[in-house]
Amino acid sequence: MADKTEKQDMAWRAIGGLLGLVTAWGAKKAIGFAWEKTTGRKPPVDNESLEISLGEAVGYAVVMGVGMQVTQIVVARTARKRYNAWKAVKDAARDVTT
């Protein structure tokens, strides 16, 4: 039989996975929008295309990589804190009723 902490870890994995997908999608859209507003050009789709300068391709890769990673770190840490707080409240409520 599965341990109670294993069930909670599975819940966090499901929440974390879904949160990761939504965060990546949202960050990509936001960074692409910011890139377009800053440079006046759409983000490079095909970095191997010779129509895109090397500097632009590398610049976009750096901005996208750093932006995505920072976003995922902030969201994951915030979500983990909220999940742990919710779990503590839930456990405290269960202790009061038993």
Foldseek 3Di string as FASTA:
>chain_A
DDDPVVVVVVVLVVVLVVLLVVQLVVLVVVLQVVCCVVVVDGQDPDLVDPVDDVVSSVVSVVSSVVSSVVSSVVSSVVVVVVSVVVVVVVVVVVVVVD
